[in-house]
Amino acid sequence: MVRIALLSLLCAQAVLGRTISKRAVPFFSPLVGGGSELDNAGVGVGEPLNVIISGLSSPAVLTDDGVLNFARSIGFSEECLDIHLGAPQSANLGDGNGFVNQTIELRQDFGDASLGTCLESLIGGNHFRVFRQNGSLADSGALFLAVSKEENVAEGHTIVPDGYNIGRDEFVSAAAAGSSFNGVSYSTAAENITGLLAPGSAGVNHGIATDGIVTLLTVTIV
C-alpha cells in the first residue's frame, strides 16, 4: 500500500508538472526528481541510502534533536569528543535542494552515550549519516540514512565485507525491537522496499555490493 500511494503521487507530479508540497507521505523517490539513492562520497562513487525514517513517523522523531535521541535509544551517539575526520558526504534527494551535506553522522556507542563512540573509532562498528528530504519539490520530511559497518582505525575505517547490508540489518533489528532513551519510548515498524537502489556494486563506494533493499522505518513515540 505504501508503494502504491507513493507511485500515484509521483505519477501525478510527472504528468501535471506540479511542485509537490509537504504532505502526509512516507517519502518521495529521489529518482523522480533527478536525485539518487546513493550519496556522494566525493570520489565518483557513493554509499547507499539504505534506511529511510518515514515522514509518517512521529514529528518529534524527524527533528535534529529527535533523531539523535532515537539513535541513542538503539545504541548510537555523536562522534567521539565531537571530532570528525574526513569530509562530510552529500546527497541529492530529488527534492529541489540539489546536493546537501549530511545533517549529522552518528556511531555505535556500545552502551555508553557519552564516550562509547570513542571505542567505535578504535575497534570499528556500525555508523550512519543522516540526510533530510525537505526541498520545495518533495517536502516529505523523511530522513534518508546511509548505514554501514566499518573496520577499525588500523584498517582506515573502510567498510567491512558486505558492510552496507550488515549495517542496515543491524540498525533495523535494533529499531524494530522497540527502544527508549531519556524518558522517550519508541515503537518502530519496518518494511523492505525494492526499486530505489540497484543491487550490485556499480557506483558503490569501496566496490562493495548491496542487495538493493532499502528499509522504510516508521518510528512512533509511545
C-alpha atoms as a PDB file:
ATOM      1  CA  MET A   1       0.000   0.000   0.000  1.00  0.00           C
ATOM      2  CA  VAL A   2       2.843   2.382   0.781  1.00  0.00           C
ATOM      3  CA  ARG A   3       4.384   1.863  -2.628  1.00  0.00           C
ATOM      4  CA  ILE A   4       1.034   2.190  -4.442  1.00  0.00           C
ATOM      5  CA  ALA A   5       0.217   5.507  -2.758  1.00  0.00           C
ATOM      6  CA  LEU A   6       3.718   6.788  -3.376  1.00  0.00           C
ATOM      7  CA  LEU A   7       3.634   5.816  -7.043  1.00  0.00           C
ATOM      8  CA  SER A   8       0.324   7.616  -7.525  1.00  0.00           C
ATOM      9  CA  LEU A   9       1.717  10.833  -6.088  1.00  0.00           C
ATOM     10  CA  LEU A  10       4.871  10.626  -8.155  1.00  0.00           C
ATOM     11  CA  CYS A  11       2.963   9.961 -11.365  1.00  0.00           C
ATOM     12  CA  ALA A  12       0.766  12.970 -10.665  1.00  0.00           C
ATOM     13  CA  GLN A  13       3.867  15.113 -10.311  1.00  0.00           C
ATOM     14  CA  ALA A  14       5.323  13.839 -13.572  1.00  0.00           C
ATOM     15  CA  VAL A  15       2.098  14.217 -15.576  1.00  0.00           C
ATOM     16  CA  LEU A  16       0.935  17.565 -14.221  1.00  0.00           C
ATOM     17  CA  GLY A  17       4.393  19.093 -13.837  1.00  0.00           C
ATOM     18  CA  ARG A  18       3.438  20.500 -10.470  1.00  0.00           C
ATOM     19  CA  THR A  19       5.549  21.076  -7.403  1.00  0.00           C
ATOM     20  CA  ILE A  20       4.873  18.611  -4.620  1.00  0.00           C
ATOM     21  CA  SER A  21       4.295  20.452  -1.377  1.00  0.00           C
ATOM     22  CA  LYS A  22       4.624  18.931   2.074  1.00  0.00           C
ATOM     23  CA  ARG A  23       2.071  16.186   2.576  1.00  0.00           C
ATOM     24  CA  ALA A  24       1.484  13.143   4.693  1.00  0.00           C
ATOM     25  CA  VAL A  25       3.583  10.645   2.756  1.00  0.00           C
ATOM     26  CA  PRO A  26       6.386   8.356   3.911  1.00  0.00           C
ATOM     27  CA  PHE A  27       8.898   9.743   1.373  1.00  0.00           C
ATOM     28  CA  PHE A  28       9.322  10.687  -2.272  1.00  0.00           C
ATOM     29  CA  SER A  29      11.619   8.684  -4.521  1.00  0.00           C
ATOM     30  CA  PRO A  30      14.781  10.734  -5.143  1.00  0.00           C
ATOM     31  CA  LEU A  31      14.956   9.214  -8.626  1.00  0.00           C
ATOM     32  CA  VAL A  32      11.885  11.119  -9.832  1.00  0.00           C
ATOM     33  CA  GLY A  33      13.419  14.488  -9.004  1.00  0.00           C
ATOM     34  CA  GLY A  34      16.803  13.707 -10.543  1.00  0.00           C
ATOM     35  CA  GLY A  35      18.365  12.522  -7.288  1.00  0.00           C
ATOM     36  CA  SER A  36      19.871   9.211  -6.280  1.00  0.00           C
ATOM     37  CA  GLU A  37      19.626   6.535  -3.607  1.00  0.00           C
ATOM     38  CA  LEU A  38      23.419   6.699  -3.419  1.00  0.00           C
ATOM     39  CA  ASP A  39      25.029   9.628  -1.662  1.00  0.00           C
ATOM     40  CA  ASN A  40      28.190  11.322  -2.946  1.00  0.00           C
ATOM     41  CA  ALA A  41      31.347  10.067  -1.225  1.00  0.00           C
ATOM     42  CA  GLY A  42      33.431  12.584  -3.160  1.00  0.00           C
ATOM     43  CA  VAL A  43      35.401  10.139  -5.320  1.00  0.00           C
ATOM     44  CA  GLY A  44      32.911   9.449  -8.107  1.00  0.00           C
ATOM     45  CA  VAL A  45      31.092   6.817  -6.050  1.00  0.00           C
ATOM     46  CA  GLY A  46      28.546   6.837  -3.264  1.00  0.00           C
ATOM     47  CA  GLU A  47      27.176   4.950  -0.296  1.00  0.00           C
ATOM     48  CA  PRO A  48      23.654   3.504  -0.318  1.00  0.00           C
ATOM     49  CA  LEU A  49      20.871   5.364   1.453  1.00  0.00           C
ATOM     50  CA  ASN A  50      19.636   2.022   2.692  1.00  0.00           C
ATOM     51  CA  VAL A  51      17.311   3.088   5.529  1.00  0.00           C
ATOM     52  CA  ILE A  52      14.561   5.718   5.412  1.00  0.00           C
ATOM     53  CA  ILE A  53      12.816   7.044   8.510  1.00  0.00           C
ATOM     54  CA  SER A  54       9.338   7.708   7.181  1.00  0.00           C
ATOM     55  CA  GLY A  55       7.788  11.158   7.054  1.00  0.00           C
ATOM     56  CA  LEU A  56       4.792   9.495   8.736  1.00  0.00           C
ATOM     57  CA  SER A  57       6.847   8.937  11.877  1.00  0.00           C
ATOM     58  CA  SER A  58       6.090  10.985  14.992  1.00  0.00           C
ATOM     59  CA  PRO A  59       7.047  14.573  14.060  1.00  0.00           C
ATOM     60  CA  ALA A  60       9.416  14.908  17.022  1.00  0.00           C
ATOM     61  CA  VAL A  61      11.495  11.987  15.704  1.00  0.00           C
ATOM     62  CA  LEU A  62      12.199  13.836  12.450  1.00  0.00           C
ATOM     63  CA  THR A  63      13.907  16.834  14.103  1.00  0.00           C
ATOM     64  CA  ASP A  64      17.668  17.004  14.687  1.00  0.00           C
ATOM     65  CA  ASP A  65      17.284  16.503  18.428  1.00  0.00           C
ATOM     66  CA  GLY A  66      14.619  13.867  17.890  1.00  0.00           C
ATOM     67  CA  VAL A  67      16.632  11.640  15.578  1.00  0.00           C
ATOM     68  CA  LEU A  68      19.608  11.935  17.930  1.00  0.00           C
ATOM     69  CA  ASN A  69      17.505  10.759  20.887  1.00  0.00           C
ATOM     70  CA  PHE A  70      16.088   7.904  18.805  1.00  0.00           C
ATOM     71  CA  ALA A  71      19.583   6.946  17.705  1.00  0.00           C
ATOM     72  CA  ARG A  72      20.755   6.895  21.313  1.00  0.00           C
ATOM     73  CA  SER A  73      17.862   4.592  22.169  1.00  0.00           C
ATOM     74  CA  ILE A  74      19.225   1.970  19.759  1.00  0.00           C
ATOM     75  CA  GLY A  75      22.898   2.312  20.615  1.00  0.00           C
ATOM     76  CA  PHE A  76      24.288   5.240  18.596  1.00  0.00           C
ATOM     77  CA  SER A  77      25.554   8.650  19.587  1.00  0.00           C
ATOM     78  CA  GLU A  78      27.585  11.636  18.424  1.00  0.00           C
ATOM     79  CA  GLU A  79      31.156  11.175  17.285  1.00  0.00           C
ATOM     80  CA  CYS A  80      33.925  10.779  19.828  1.00  0.00           C
ATOM     81  CA  LEU A  81      34.542  14.152  21.532  1.00  0.00           C
ATOM     82  CA  ASP A  82      32.723  15.732  18.550  1.00  0.00           C
ATOM     83  CA  ILE A  83      35.788  15.043  16.400  1.00  0.00           C
ATOM     84  CA  HIS A  84      35.081  14.146  12.773  1.00  0.00           C
ATOM     85  CA  LEU A  85      37.820  13.014  10.433  1.00  0.00           C
ATOM     86  CA  GLY A  86      37.264  13.277   6.695  1.00  0.00           C
ATOM     87  CA  ALA A  87      34.966  15.439   4.617  1.00  0.00           C
ATOM     88  CA  PRO A  88      31.178  15.155   5.045  1.00  0.00           C
ATOM     89  CA  GLN A  89      29.287  13.312   2.348  1.00  0.00           C
ATOM     90  CA  SER A  90      26.382  14.860   0.451  1.00  0.00           C
ATOM     91  CA  ALA A  91      23.200  13.578  -1.163  1.00  0.00           C
ATOM     92  CA  ASN A  92      20.653  14.707  -3.738  1.00  0.00           C
ATOM     93  CA  LEU A  93      17.239  13.524  -2.571  1.00  0.00           C
ATOM     94  CA  GLY A  94      15.410  14.843  -5.635  1.00  0.00           C
ATOM     95  CA  ASP A  95      13.635  17.496  -3.567  1.00  0.00           C
ATOM     96  CA  GLY A  96      14.987  20.544  -5.383  1.00  0.00           C
ATOM     97  CA  ASN A  97      17.806  21.254  -2.944  1.00  0.00           C
ATOM     98  CA  GLY A  98      20.468  19.558  -5.074  1.00  0.00           C
ATOM     99  CA  PHE A  99      23.407  18.037  -3.207  1.00  0.00           C
ATOM    100  CA  VAL A 100      23.298  18.842   0.505  1.00  0.00           C
ATOM    101  CA  ASN A 101      25.836  17.772   3.120  1.00  0.00           C
ATOM    102  CA  GLN A 102      24.854  15.249   5.749  1.00  0.00           C
ATOM    103  CA  THR A 103      22.941  16.669   8.705  1.00  0.00           C
ATOM    104  CA  ILE A 104      24.783  14.524  11.239  1.00  0.00           C
ATOM    105  CA  GLU A 105      26.905  11.380  11.465  1.00  0.00           C
ATOM    106  CA  LEU A 106      26.366   9.026  14.393  1.00  0.00           C
ATOM    107  CA  ARG A 107      28.327   5.999  15.564  1.00  0.00           C
ATOM    108  CA  GLN A 108      27.700   2.893  17.620  1.00  0.00           C
ATOM    109  CA  ASP A 109      28.239   3.731  21.286  1.00  0.00           C
ATOM    110  CA  PHE A 110      28.439   0.257  22.871  1.00  0.00           C
ATOM    111  CA  GLY A 111      26.084   1.230  25.682  1.00  0.00           C
ATOM    112  CA  ASP A 112      27.828   4.490  26.658  1.00  0.00           C
ATOM    113  CA  ALA A 113      26.179   7.523  25.038  1.00  0.00           C
ATOM    114  CA  SER A 114      28.922   9.835  26.325  1.00  0.00           C
ATOM    115  CA  LEU A 115      32.183   8.139  25.346  1.00  0.00           C
ATOM    116  CA  GLY A 116      31.241   4.865  23.681  1.00  0.00           C
ATOM    117  CA  THR A 117      31.753   6.192  20.182  1.00  0.00           C
ATOM    118  CA  CYS A 118      35.446   6.630  21.017  1.00  0.00           C
ATOM    119  CA  LEU A 119      35.565   2.836  21.237  1.00  0.00           C
ATOM    120  CA  GLU A 120      33.855   2.547  17.850  1.00  0.00           C
ATOM    121  CA  SER A 121      36.502   4.829  16.379  1.00  0.00           C
ATOM    122  CA  LEU A 122      39.159   2.390  17.621  1.00  0.00           C
ATOM    123  CA  ILE A 123      37.644  -1.047  17.029  1.00  0.00           C
ATOM    124  CA  GLY A 124      35.072  -0.302  14.337  1.00  0.00           C
ATOM    125  CA  GLY A 125      31.330  -0.853  14.366  1.00  0.00           C
ATOM    126  CA  ASN A 126      28.117   0.450  12.902  1.00  0.00           C
ATOM    127  CA  HIS A 127      27.554   4.069  11.894  1.00  0.00           C
ATOM    128  CA  PHE A 128      25.229   6.163   9.755  1.00  0.00           C
ATOM    129  CA  ARG A 129      24.787   9.541   8.082  1.00  0.00           C
ATOM    130  CA  VAL A 130      21.501  11.463   8.031  1.00  0.00           C
ATOM    131  CA  PHE A 131      20.040  13.435   5.102  1.00  0.00           C
ATOM    132  CA  ARG A 132      16.667  15.215   5.265  1.00  0.00           C
ATOM    133  CA  GLN A 133      14.222  15.392   2.326  1.00  0.00           C
ATOM    134  CA  ASN A 134      12.713  18.858   2.731  1.00  0.00           C
ATOM    135  CA  GLY A 135      13.082  20.775  -0.538  1.00  0.00           C
ATOM    136  CA  SER A 136      10.182  22.554  -2.216  1.00  0.00           C
ATOM    137  CA  LEU A 137       9.803  19.844  -4.888  1.00  0.00           C
ATOM    138  CA  ALA A 138       9.418  16.928  -2.476  1.00  0.00           C
ATOM    139  CA  ASP A 139       9.000  18.003   1.127  1.00  0.00           C
ATOM    140  CA  SER A 140       8.251  14.721   2.879  1.00  0.00           C
ATOM    141  CA  GLY A 141      10.374  15.448   5.945  1.00  0.00           C
ATOM    142  CA  ALA A 142      11.709  11.896   5.707  1.00  0.00           C
ATOM    143  CA  LEU A 143      15.239  11.114   6.850  1.00  0.00           C
ATOM    144  CA  PHE A 144      17.426   9.125   4.469  1.00  0.00           C
ATOM    145  CA  LEU A 145      20.208   7.217   6.229  1.00  0.00           C
ATOM    146  CA  ALA A 146      23.430   5.800   4.826  1.00  0.00           C
ATOM    147  CA  VAL A 147      24.123   2.950   7.243  1.00  0.00           C
ATOM    148  CA  SER A 148      27.230   0.770   7.172  1.00  0.00           C
ATOM    149  CA  LYS A 149      29.502  -1.279   9.383  1.00  0.00           C
ATOM    150  CA  GLU A 150      33.153  -0.280   9.299  1.00  0.00           C
ATOM    151  CA  GLU A 151      36.563  -1.697  10.173  1.00  0.00           C
ATOM    152  CA  ASN A 152      38.813  -0.479  12.984  1.00  0.00           C
ATOM    153  CA  VAL A 153      41.135   2.519  12.832  1.00  0.00           C
ATOM    154  CA  ALA A 154      44.075   0.365  11.719  1.00  0.00           C
ATOM    155  CA  GLU A 155      42.075  -0.517   8.579  1.00  0.00           C
ATOM    156  CA  GLY A 156      41.303   3.143   7.931  1.00  0.00           C
ATOM    157  CA  HIS A 157      37.620   2.779   8.818  1.00  0.00           C
ATOM    158  CA  THR A 158      36.882   1.166   5.469  1.00  0.00           C
ATOM    159  CA  ILE A 159      33.623  -0.780   5.204  1.00  0.00           C
ATOM    160  CA  VAL A 160      33.649  -4.445   6.246  1.00  0.00           C
ATOM    161  CA  PRO A 161      32.786  -7.033   3.567  1.00  0.00           C
ATOM    162  CA  ASP A 162      29.017  -6.847   2.930  1.00  0.00           C
ATOM    163  CA  GLY A 163      29.063  -3.918   5.351  1.00  0.00           C
ATOM    164  CA  TYR A 164      26.196  -1.963   3.807  1.00  0.00           C
ATOM    165  CA  ASN A 165      23.742  -4.844   4.096  1.00  0.00           C
ATOM    166  CA  ILE A 166      25.059  -5.820   7.539  1.00  0.00           C
ATOM    167  CA  GLY A 167      24.938  -2.265   8.841  1.00  0.00           C
ATOM    168  CA  ARG A 168      21.368  -1.796   7.628  1.00  0.00           C
ATOM    169  CA  ASP A 169      20.176  -5.096   9.065  1.00  0.00           C
ATOM    170  CA  GLU A 170      21.743  -4.475  12.481  1.00  0.00           C
ATOM    171  CA  PHE A 171      20.258  -0.970  12.604  1.00  0.00           C
ATOM    172  CA  VAL A 172      16.791  -2.191  11.627  1.00  0.00           C
ATOM    173  CA  SER A 173      16.909  -5.108  14.072  1.00  0.00           C
ATOM    174  CA  ALA A 174      17.704  -2.771  16.969  1.00  0.00           C
ATOM    175  CA  ALA A 175      14.978  -0.317  15.974  1.00  0.00           C
ATOM    176  CA  ALA A 176      12.275  -2.927  15.387  1.00  0.00           C
ATOM    177  CA  ALA A 177      12.838  -4.424  18.836  1.00  0.00           C
ATOM    178  CA  GLY A 178      11.483  -1.250  20.466  1.00  0.00           C
ATOM    179  CA  SER A 179      13.640   1.154  22.410  1.00  0.00           C
ATOM    180  CA  SER A 180      13.751   4.064  24.820  1.00  0.00           C
ATOM    181  CA  PHE A 181      16.132   6.819  25.917  1.00  0.00           C
ATOM    182  CA  ASN A 182      15.872   9.870  28.157  1.00  0.00           C
ATOM    183  CA  GLY A 183      12.276   9.060  29.065  1.00  0.00           C
ATOM    184  CA  VAL A 184      11.093   8.677  25.457  1.00  0.00           C
ATOM    185  CA  SER A 185       9.959   5.257  24.196  1.00  0.00           C
ATOM    186  CA  TYR A 186       9.701   4.221  20.556  1.00  0.00           C
ATOM    187  CA  SER A 187       7.818   1.599  18.572  1.00  0.00           C
ATOM    188  CA  THR A 188       9.171   1.010  15.067  1.00  0.00           C
ATOM    189  CA  ALA A 189       7.583  -0.756  12.092  1.00  0.00           C
ATOM    190  CA  ALA A 190       9.837  -1.886   9.232  1.00  0.00           C
ATOM    191  CA  GLU A 191       9.100  -2.541   5.557  1.00  0.00           C
ATOM    192  CA  ASN A 192      11.606  -3.563   2.881  1.00  0.00           C
ATOM    193  CA  ILE A 193      11.400  -1.699  -0.428  1.00  0.00           C
ATOM    194  CA  THR A 194      12.980  -2.525  -3.774  1.00  0.00           C
ATOM    195  CA  GLY A 195      13.325  -0.391  -6.888  1.00  0.00           C
ATOM    196  CA  LEU A 196      15.026   2.602  -5.285  1.00  0.00           C
ATOM    197  CA  LEU A 197      18.530   1.162  -5.124  1.00  0.00           C
ATOM    198  CA  ALA A 198      20.063  -1.033  -7.812  1.00  0.00           C
ATOM    199  CA  PRO A 199      21.563  -4.255  -6.450  1.00  0.00           C
ATOM    200  CA  GLY A 200      25.259  -4.830  -7.071  1.00  0.00           C
ATOM    201  CA  SER A 201      28.399  -2.753  -6.716  1.00  0.00           C
ATOM    202  CA  ALA A 202      28.150  -0.310  -9.658  1.00  0.00           C
ATOM    203  CA  GLY A 203      28.888   3.180  -8.379  1.00  0.00           C
ATOM    204  CA  VAL A 204      29.128   1.999  -4.773  1.00  0.00           C
ATOM    205  CA  ASN A 205      31.958   3.179  -2.547  1.00  0.00           C
ATOM    206  CA  HIS A 206      34.690   0.570  -1.953  1.00  0.00           C
ATOM    207  CA  GLY A 207      33.116  -1.638  -4.644  1.00  0.00           C
ATOM    208  CA  ILE A 208      31.018  -3.448  -2.031  1.00  0.00           C
ATOM    209  CA  ALA A 209      27.814  -4.896  -3.476  1.00  0.00           C
ATOM    210  CA  THR A 210      24.401  -4.351  -1.927  1.00  0.00           C
ATOM    211  CA  ASP A 211      21.251  -6.453  -2.239  1.00  0.00           C
ATOM    212  CA  GLY A 212      19.240  -3.438  -3.435  1.00  0.00           C
ATOM    213  CA  ILE A 213      16.929  -3.386  -0.406  1.00  0.00           C
ATOM    214  CA  VAL A 214      16.028  -0.137   1.329  1.00  0.00           C
ATOM    215  CA  THR A 215      14.200  -0.493   4.648  1.00  0.00           C
ATOM    216  CA  LEU A 216      11.481   2.018   5.496  1.00  0.00           C
ATOM    217  CA  LEU A 217      11.053   2.615   9.229  1.00  0.00           C
ATOM    218  CA  THR A 218       8.005   4.281  10.733  1.00  0.00           C
ATOM    219  CA  VAL A 219       9.056   5.380  14.217  1.00  0.00           C
ATOM    220  CA  THR A 220       6.281   6.213  16.685  1.00  0.00           C
ATOM    221  CA  ILE A 221       6.726   7.746  20.114  1.00  0.00           C
ATOM    222  CA  VAL A 222       4.600   5.732  22.547  1.00  0.00           C
END
